[in-house]
Protein backbone atom coordinates (compact mmCIF):
# COMPACT_ATOMS: atom_id res chain seq x y z
CA MET A 1 4.24 -0.10 2.69
CA SER A 2 6.52 -3.03 2.78
CA MET A 3 6.19 -5.47 -0.05
CA TYR A 4 5.16 -8.27 2.21
CA PHE A 5 2.40 -6.05 3.99
CA GLU A 6 1.13 -4.94 0.65
CA ALA A 7 1.18 -8.55 -0.81
CA ALA A 8 -0.82 -9.64 2.33
CA ILE A 9 -3.42 -6.94 2.08
CA ALA A 10 -3.80 -7.57 -1.79
CA ARG A 11 -4.49 -11.24 -1.40
CA PHE A 12 -6.86 -10.84 1.48
CA THR A 13 -9.03 -8.60 -0.61
CA GLU A 14 -8.63 -11.23 -3.55
CA ASN A 15 -9.93 -13.73 -1.25
CA LEU A 16 -12.76 -11.75 0.23
CA ASP A 17 -13.49 -9.35 -2.70
CA LYS A 18 -16.02 -7.28 -0.95
CA PHE A 19 -13.60 -5.91 1.34
CA LYS A 20 -11.72 -2.69 0.55
CA VAL A 21 -9.17 -0.78 2.38
CA VAL A 22 -10.42 2.35 4.15
CA SER A 23 -7.30 3.24 6.10
CA SER A 24 -3.65 2.41 6.47
CA GLU A 25 -0.63 3.83 8.46
CA ASN A 26 2.85 3.07 9.32
CA ALA A 27 3.60 3.99 12.86
CA ASN A 28 6.22 3.10 15.36
CA GLY A 29 7.46 0.48 13.04
CA HIS A 30 4.09 -1.23 12.67
CA GLU A 31 2.06 -1.36 9.57
CA THR A 32 -1.85 -1.24 9.79
CA ALA A 33 -4.61 -1.55 7.39
CA VAL A 34 -8.41 -1.40 8.26
CA LEU A 35 -10.72 -2.96 5.50
CA THR A 36 -14.47 -3.21 5.51
CA ASP A 37 -17.31 -4.61 3.40
CA GLY A 38 -19.78 -2.28 4.84
CA LYS A 39 -21.19 -4.54 7.49
CA THR A 40 -17.95 -6.00 8.95
CA SER A 41 -14.47 -4.43 9.41
CA ALA A 42 -11.07 -6.40 9.54
CA LYS A 43 -7.85 -4.81 10.83
CA ILE A 44 -4.45 -6.45 9.77
CA VAL A 45 -1.19 -5.41 11.58
CA TYR A 46 2.40 -6.39 10.77
CA ALA A 47 4.65 -6.11 13.83
CA PRO A 48 8.15 -6.88 12.52
CA ASP A 49 9.62 -6.25 16.03
CA VAL A 50 7.96 -9.28 17.25
CA ASN A 51 7.82 -11.18 13.80
CA ARG A 52 3.98 -11.34 13.67
CA PHE A 53 1.05 -10.45 11.71
CA TYR A 54 -2.16 -9.98 13.59
CA LEU A 55 -5.81 -10.09 12.60
CA PHE A 56 -8.69 -8.12 14.27
CA LYS A 57 -12.35 -8.06 13.63
CA GLY A 58 -14.91 -5.51 14.54
CA ALA A 59 -18.31 -4.05 13.31
CA ALA A 60 -18.28 -1.47 10.35
CA ASP A 61 -17.00 1.78 11.34
CA CYS A 62 -15.89 0.79 14.91
CA GLY A 63 -13.10 2.53 16.64
CA ASP A 64 -9.65 0.99 17.82
CA ASP A 65 -11.26 -0.37 20.93
CA GLY A 66 -13.95 -2.15 18.90
CA PHE A 67 -11.68 -4.51 17.29
CA GLU A 68 -11.04 -7.97 18.84
CA GLU A 69 -8.10 -10.20 18.10
CA VAL A 70 -8.86 -13.29 15.73
CA GLN A 71 -5.65 -14.59 14.98
CA SER A 72 -1.80 -14.09 14.92
CA TYR A 73 0.84 -15.63 12.57
CA PHE A 74 4.60 -15.92 13.16
CA PHE A 75 6.26 -14.30 10.29
CA GLU A 76 10.03 -14.00 10.24
CA LEU A 77 11.91 -12.79 7.33
CA THR A 78 14.73 -15.10 5.96
CA GLY A 79 16.19 -12.97 3.69
CA ASP A 80 14.79 -14.75 0.53
CA ASN A 81 12.45 -12.33 -0.91
CA ALA A 82 10.66 -14.87 -2.99
CA SER A 83 10.02 -17.33 -0.04
CA ASP A 84 8.98 -14.45 2.25
CA LEU A 85 6.48 -13.23 -0.26
CA ARG A 86 5.04 -16.67 -0.52
CA GLU A 87 4.70 -16.79 3.22
CA ALA A 88 3.09 -13.42 3.42
CA LEU A 89 0.51 -14.78 0.90
CA SER A 90 -0.04 -17.69 3.22
CA VAL A 91 -0.57 -15.39 6.05
CA ALA A 92 -3.44 -13.58 4.04
CA ASN A 93 -4.79 -16.94 3.01
CA GLU A 94 -4.91 -18.17 6.70
CA PHE A 95 -6.41 -14.82 7.82
CA SER A 96 -9.04 -14.67 5.13
CA GLU A 97 -9.95 -18.18 6.18
CA SER A 98 -10.49 -17.45 9.74
CA PHE A 99 -12.06 -14.18 9.11
CA ASP A 100 -14.71 -15.69 6.92
CA GLY A 101 -15.68 -18.22 9.43
CA GLY A 102 -13.79 -21.31 8.17
CA VAL A 103 -14.41 -21.16 4.65
CA GLN A 104 -10.99 -22.11 3.10
CA ALA A 105 -9.61 -19.43 0.96
CA VAL A 106 -8.03 -21.75 -1.54
CA THR A 107 -11.58 -22.99 -2.49
CA VAL A 108 -12.78 -19.64 -3.79
CA PRO A 109 -13.64 -20.43 -7.45
CA SER A 110 -11.08 -19.14 -10.05
CA SER A 111 -13.87 -17.31 -11.77
CA SER A 112 -14.65 -15.29 -8.65
CA ARG A 113 -11.15 -14.37 -8.26
CA THR A 114 -10.90 -13.17 -11.93
CA ALA A 115 -13.86 -11.18 -11.45
CA SER A 116 -12.72 -9.51 -8.34
CA LYS A 117 -9.55 -8.84 -10.11
CA LYS A 118 -11.17 -7.20 -12.95
CA ASP A 119 -13.30 -5.18 -10.47
CA ARG A 120 -10.22 -3.78 -8.91
CA GLU A 121 -8.58 -2.96 -12.26
CA ASN A 122 -11.67 -1.31 -13.27
CA ASP A 123 -12.16 0.66 -10.13
CA GLU A 124 -10.88 4.33 -10.96
CA THR A 125 -9.96 5.05 -7.43
CA SER A 126 -7.87 2.19 -6.76
CA ALA A 127 -3.89 2.11 -6.88
CA VAL A 128 -4.09 -0.91 -9.31
CA TYR A 129 -6.01 1.11 -11.61
CA PHE A 130 -3.63 4.16 -11.27
CA VAL A 131 -0.61 1.85 -11.86
CA ASN A 132 -1.89 -0.02 -14.86
CA ARG A 133 -2.47 3.36 -16.65
CA ILE A 134 1.11 4.64 -15.95
CA PRO A 135 2.39 3.21 -19.26
CA SER A 136 0.19 5.57 -20.91
CA VAL A 137 2.26 8.44 -19.98
CA LEU A 138 5.47 6.50 -19.38
CA PRO A 139 5.58 3.85 -22.20
CA GLU A 140 8.95 2.76 -20.79
CA CYS A 141 7.24 1.44 -17.76
CA ARG A 142 5.19 -0.97 -19.82
CA GLU A 143 7.53 -3.92 -20.16
CA PRO A 144 8.88 -3.67 -16.43
CA LEU A 145 5.30 -3.73 -15.44
CA LEU A 146 4.56 -6.80 -17.27
CA GLN A 147 7.79 -8.41 -15.55
CA HIS A 148 6.71 -7.23 -12.21
CA LYS A 149 3.29 -8.89 -12.38
CA GLU A 150 4.92 -12.16 -13.78
CA HIS A 151 7.47 -12.22 -10.96
CA TYR A 152 5.18 -11.52 -8.15
CA GLU A 153 2.04 -13.19 -9.67
CA MET A 154 0.06 -9.89 -8.67
CA LEU A 155 0.48 -6.05 -8.74
CA LEU A 156 2.14 -4.50 -5.62
CA PRO A 157 1.51 -0.70 -6.64
CA ASN A 158 3.82 1.09 -4.21
CA LYS A 159 6.74 -1.33 -4.72
CA PHE A 160 6.51 -0.90 -8.57
CA CYS A 161 6.30 2.92 -8.25
CA ASP A 162 9.20 2.96 -5.77
CA GLU A 163 11.49 0.81 -8.05
CA VAL A 164 10.53 1.61 -11.62
CA VAL A 165 8.20 4.81 -11.70
CA THR A 166 10.54 6.94 -9.58
CA ALA A 167 13.39 6.18 -11.99
CA ALA A 168 11.29 6.96 -15.02
CA VAL A 169 10.10 10.33 -13.61
CA ALA A 170 13.76 11.19 -12.76
CA LYS A 171 14.89 10.35 -16.47
CA VAL A 172 12.29 12.68 -17.90
CA LEU A 173 13.21 15.58 -15.54
CA SER A 174 16.83 15.17 -16.43
CA ASP A 175 16.05 15.61 -20.17
CA LYS A 176 15.22 19.32 -20.72
CA THR A 177 13.88 18.42 -24.22
CA GLN A 178 11.11 16.53 -22.75
CA LYS A 179 9.12 19.53 -21.27
CA LYS A 180 5.88 18.58 -23.10
CA LYS A 181 6.15 14.81 -21.70
CA ALA A 182 6.83 16.34 -18.21
CA GLU A 183 3.68 18.69 -18.50
CA GLU A 184 1.75 15.54 -19.59
CA LEU A 185 3.01 13.30 -16.81
CA PHE A 186 2.37 15.71 -13.94
CA ALA A 187 -0.96 16.54 -15.10
CA PHE A 188 -1.71 12.84 -15.09
CA PHE A 189 -0.34 12.54 -11.59
CA GLU A 190 -2.51 15.36 -10.40
CA LYS A 191 -5.63 13.90 -12.19
CA MET A 192 -5.03 10.48 -10.61
CA TYR A 193 -4.41 12.01 -7.10
CA TYR A 194 -7.70 13.83 -7.09
CA SER A 195 -9.76 10.95 -8.35
CA GLY A 196 -8.00 8.25 -6.42
CA ASP A 197 -8.13 6.58 -3.06
CA MET A 198 -6.11 7.08 0.00
CA ASP A 199 -3.24 4.66 -1.41
CA VAL A 200 -3.18 6.39 -4.67
CA LYS A 201 -2.78 9.89 -2.77
CA SER A 202 -0.04 8.31 -0.76
CA ILE A 203 1.68 6.69 -3.71
CA ILE A 204 1.85 9.88 -5.68
CA THR A 205 3.01 12.32 -3.08
CA MET A 206 4.87 10.07 -0.53
CA THR A 207 6.66 7.60 -3.08
CA ILE A 208 6.66 9.40 -6.42
CA LEU A 209 6.83 13.10 -5.82
CA ASN A 210 8.98 12.76 -2.68
CA SER A 211 11.65 10.91 -4.73
CA ILE A 212 12.21 14.07 -6.64
CA THR A 213 15.22 16.07 -5.22
CA GLY A 214 17.13 19.45 -5.58
CA GLU A 215 15.68 22.86 -5.08
CA GLU A 216 15.77 23.58 -8.71
CA ARG A 217 13.95 20.45 -9.94
CA ILE A 218 11.46 20.59 -7.10
CA ALA A 219 10.46 24.32 -8.29
CA TYR A 220 10.17 23.24 -11.66
CA VAL A 221 7.78 20.22 -10.86
CA GLU A 222 5.80 22.49 -8.48
CA GLY A 223 5.51 24.85 -11.51
CA LEU A 224 3.69 22.23 -13.25
CA LEU A 225 1.26 21.41 -10.69
CA SER A 226 -1.80 23.24 -9.49
CA SER A 227 -1.42 25.46 -6.29
CA ASP A 228 -3.25 22.79 -4.31
CA MET A 229 -1.26 19.92 -5.48
CA ALA A 230 1.97 21.73 -4.80
CA LYS A 231 0.75 22.43 -1.18
CA ALA A 232 -0.05 18.76 -0.77
CA TRP A 233 3.45 17.76 -1.91
CA ARG A 234 5.04 20.23 0.45
CA SER A 235 3.16 18.74 3.22
CA ALA A 236 4.29 15.37 2.25
CA ARG A 237 8.01 16.45 2.03
CA ARG A 238 7.98 16.99 5.84
CA PHE A 239 7.79 13.26 6.35
CA ILE A 240 10.79 12.54 4.17
CA GLY A 241 13.51 10.63 6.25
CA ARG A 242 11.37 10.28 9.30
CA GLN A 243 8.68 7.98 10.60
CA VAL A 244 5.22 9.18 10.72
CA LYS A 245 3.86 8.89 14.51
CA PRO A 246 0.16 9.23 15.26
CA GLU A 247 -1.02 12.14 17.51
CA LYS A 248 -2.29 9.93 20.24
CA GLU A 249 -1.69 6.40 21.39
CA THR A 250 -4.35 4.14 19.90
CA ALA A 251 -5.86 0.99 21.47
CA TYR A 252 -3.93 -1.06 18.98
CA GLN A 253 -0.74 0.45 20.06
CA GLN A 254 -1.60 -0.20 23.69
CA LEU A 255 -2.18 -3.93 22.50
CA THR A 256 1.26 -4.09 20.79
CA LYS A 257 2.96 -2.86 23.79
CA GLN A 258 1.61 -5.93 25.58
CA TYR A 259 2.71 -8.11 22.76
CA ARG A 260 6.40 -6.67 23.07
CA GLU A 261 6.48 -7.17 26.75
CA GLN A 262 5.30 -10.68 26.47
CA ALA A 263 8.03 -11.34 23.79
CA GLN A 264 10.48 -9.42 26.10
CA ILE A 265 11.20 -7.04 23.16
CA THR A 266 12.71 -3.64 24.39
CA ARG A 267 13.10 -0.78 22.15
CA ARG A 268 16.68 0.69 21.22
């Protein structure tokens, strides 16, 4: 998940705190997340090939063909990460305002935002909860985590794990005197994998575990995991270096074909 899409989803759920992500995918260069509050579903799509975010709305548990487009937002990267991140947050603010029937996202009371943030931090299945507890097994990540939150003004779980946690894990595995720490670390990852939601599972397998390379090191880590967890990681390793494609074309993908044709975008 790109930092811009991750930030947009985080801000959308901050503005509309009853919504939770129920599925996400990255296919054919497009990032998609479906969120629901149990009554209504939202689908947010980032299509960098046409420089746009799309917002769709549908009934709870509706299929891809049950979503209707609500709004699109032009989003072109400038190369300035800070500026682009602020623009991604603006996308989410605009989308949450449109989705909520015109109630401006900026008028949500700060107390409500604080409460929703606390809910996410205390939700034991969430990626935010998972990342906030990483310093308990990797104390060296505590200060970088604080700096990350200060810089982005929010926690981007996958980005933090990709940039900081993977390096910390590699350091532990490089030091043969830290066997006990390695055992505790991977026991923690396994516990969080089985108790976490889809985002947590993806971060642990696709981002953290898939950063481990070398036959000897992979075999060592598999020996620290249960057979089921090792099997899950082996499945995730099949996707290293290649893009995950859906088994069949969804209604959303048919829509994005139309968008590309309208924008006269051709695949290379």
